[in-house]
Amino acid sequence: MQIRLDDLRSKKITDFLLEHLENMHEITPPQSVHALDLEALRLPDITFFSAWEGDELLGCGALKELDSRSGEIKSMRTAKAHRRKGVASKILEHIIKEAERRAYHHLNLETGAIRVRPSTSLVHTIWVRVPKPLCRLH
């Protein structure tokens, strides 16, 4: 698996993110949708990563800089065919390393009020793996 910085220009990633946004609107109350659209993900305060195996897109995640000392995990998504294979964990590890490289003191994850919680085990993973001064769950 290769995790790389992504400029959000390829059709594969744009289609994947549009599906992600549509899905979040389907399963989340409107006031709790925290998924960002492509325009927002292209802003300079967002660093976007995608995971690939050859030319197959496995998943994605982003790091939003809130200020010079803190960031937020955004747009975590794994392709249906690759769920439960550790893709999200690898992307998460990559984002955490980037937050540590930036010397962030806090790393947030906004989970919202989702009706289906496919990310519950991932949230537990974040809480266990990330040094507590760095991680805050909301």
Protein backbone atom coordinates (compact mmCIF):
# COMPACT_ATOMS: atom_id res chain seq x y z
CA MET A 1 0.00 0.00 0.00
CA GLN A 2 1.29 3.43 -0.94
CA ILE A 3 -0.04 6.51 0.86
CA ARG A 4 0.60 9.71 -1.01
CA LEU A 5 -0.20 13.38 -0.98
CA ASP A 6 -3.14 13.89 -3.33
CA ASP A 7 -4.05 17.01 -5.31
CA LEU A 8 -7.69 15.86 -5.69
CA ARG A 9 -7.64 16.15 -9.48
CA SER A 10 -8.01 12.53 -10.67
CA LYS A 11 -11.43 11.19 -11.60
CA LYS A 12 -10.99 8.22 -9.26
CA ILE A 13 -10.50 10.37 -6.18
CA THR A 14 -13.16 12.94 -7.10
CA ASP A 15 -15.76 10.20 -7.73
CA PHE A 16 -14.75 8.49 -4.48
CA LEU A 17 -15.16 11.70 -2.49
CA LEU A 18 -18.49 12.55 -4.10
CA GLU A 19 -19.74 9.10 -3.08
CA HIS A 20 -18.39 9.73 0.44
CA LEU A 21 -20.23 13.04 0.71
CA GLU A 22 -23.48 11.55 -0.61
CA ASN A 23 -23.19 8.67 1.85
CA MET A 24 -22.60 11.01 4.80
CA HIS A 25 -25.76 12.93 3.87
CA GLU A 26 -27.70 9.64 3.69
CA ILE A 27 -26.68 8.32 7.11
CA THR A 28 -26.14 11.49 9.14
CA PRO A 29 -28.59 14.14 10.37
CA PRO A 30 -28.09 17.34 8.31
CA GLN A 31 -26.76 19.35 11.26
CA SER A 32 -24.11 16.70 11.93
CA VAL A 33 -22.58 16.28 8.46
CA HIS A 34 -18.93 17.29 8.86
CA ALA A 35 -17.71 15.84 5.56
CA LEU A 36 -16.01 18.41 3.34
CA ASP A 37 -16.72 18.84 -0.35
CA LEU A 38 -13.96 18.94 -2.97
CA GLU A 39 -13.67 22.72 -2.90
CA ALA A 40 -13.18 22.73 0.88
CA LEU A 41 -10.69 19.84 0.68
CA ARG A 42 -8.58 21.86 -1.77
CA LEU A 43 -8.13 24.78 0.63
CA PRO A 44 -4.55 25.45 1.77
CA ASP A 45 -5.24 24.43 5.39
CA ILE A 46 -6.06 20.86 4.29
CA THR A 47 -3.47 18.20 3.52
CA PHE A 48 -5.12 15.30 1.71
CA PHE A 49 -3.76 11.77 1.48
CA SER A 50 -4.91 8.81 -0.58
CA ALA A 51 -3.95 5.15 -0.30
CA TRP A 52 -3.28 3.10 -3.42
CA GLU A 53 -2.33 -0.38 -4.45
CA GLY A 54 -1.15 -0.02 -8.01
CA ASP A 55 -3.84 2.03 -9.72
CA GLU A 56 -6.57 0.93 -7.29
CA LEU A 57 -7.78 3.53 -4.78
CA LEU A 58 -8.05 1.96 -1.32
CA GLY A 59 -9.03 4.94 0.80
CA CYS A 60 -8.28 8.45 1.92
CA GLY A 61 -7.97 10.85 4.81
CA ALA A 62 -7.04 14.45 5.44
CA LEU A 63 -5.44 16.64 8.05
CA LYS A 64 -6.89 20.11 8.55
CA GLU A 65 -4.70 22.66 10.29
CA LEU A 66 -6.82 24.49 12.86
CA ASP A 67 -3.92 26.62 14.10
CA SER A 68 -0.17 26.22 14.49
CA ARG A 69 -0.64 23.84 17.45
CA SER A 70 -3.65 21.75 16.44
CA GLY A 71 -5.25 19.85 13.62
CA GLU A 72 -8.31 17.79 12.81
CA ILE A 73 -8.70 14.47 11.03
CA LYS A 74 -11.09 14.80 8.09
CA SER A 75 -12.54 12.74 5.25
CA MET A 76 -11.51 9.28 6.43
CA ARG A 77 -12.94 6.77 3.97
CA THR A 78 -12.11 3.24 2.85
CA ALA A 79 -13.31 1.73 -0.42
CA LYS A 80 -16.00 -0.89 0.20
CA ALA A 81 -13.88 -3.70 -1.28
CA HIS A 82 -11.05 -2.92 1.15
CA ARG A 83 -12.85 -2.42 4.45
CA ARG A 84 -11.62 -4.42 7.46
CA LYS A 85 -8.19 -4.83 5.87
CA GLY A 86 -6.33 -2.16 7.84
CA VAL A 87 -6.46 0.58 5.21
CA ALA A 88 -7.99 3.17 7.56
CA SER A 89 -5.48 2.33 10.28
CA LYS A 90 -2.57 2.88 7.89
CA ILE A 91 -3.99 6.20 6.70
CA LEU A 92 -4.61 7.21 10.30
CA GLU A 93 -1.02 6.35 11.26
CA HIS A 94 0.17 8.49 8.34
CA ILE A 95 -1.96 11.45 9.46
CA ILE A 96 -0.80 11.09 13.07
CA LYS A 97 2.85 11.07 11.97
CA GLU A 98 2.22 14.22 9.94
CA ALA A 99 0.60 15.89 12.97
CA GLU A 100 3.61 14.91 15.09
CA ARG A 101 6.00 16.20 12.40
CA ARG A 102 4.16 19.53 12.59
CA ALA A 103 4.52 19.45 16.40
CA TYR A 104 0.78 19.70 16.97
CA HIS A 105 -0.29 19.57 20.60
CA HIS A 106 -3.87 18.51 19.75
CA LEU A 107 -5.41 16.32 17.07
CA ASN A 108 -9.21 16.32 16.89
CA LEU A 109 -11.66 13.89 15.37
CA GLU A 110 -15.21 15.14 14.87
CA THR A 111 -17.43 12.07 14.66
CA GLY A 112 -20.81 13.83 14.61
CA ALA A 113 -24.13 12.16 15.26
CA ILE A 114 -23.95 9.39 12.71
CA ARG A 115 -26.76 6.80 12.78
CA VAL A 116 -24.47 3.97 11.67
CA ARG A 117 -21.06 3.85 13.33
CA PRO A 118 -18.69 2.00 11.01
CA SER A 119 -15.80 3.97 12.48
CA THR A 120 -16.27 2.90 16.12
CA SER A 121 -13.27 0.56 16.13
CA LEU A 122 -11.20 3.19 14.36
CA VAL A 123 -12.13 5.76 17.02
CA HIS A 124 -10.94 3.29 19.66
CA THR A 125 -7.74 2.82 17.68
CA ILE A 126 -7.14 6.56 17.64
CA TRP A 127 -7.72 6.87 21.36
CA VAL A 128 -5.38 3.98 22.18
CA ARG A 129 -2.54 4.82 19.76
CA VAL A 130 -2.32 8.60 19.93
CA PRO A 131 -0.57 10.23 22.87
CA LYS A 132 -3.37 11.74 24.98
CA PRO A 133 -2.10 15.36 24.86
CA LEU A 134 -2.32 15.09 21.05
CA CYS A 135 -5.78 13.52 20.70
CA ARG A 136 -9.22 14.94 21.48
CA LEU A 137 -12.40 13.22 20.31
CA HIS A 138 -15.59 15.23 19.79
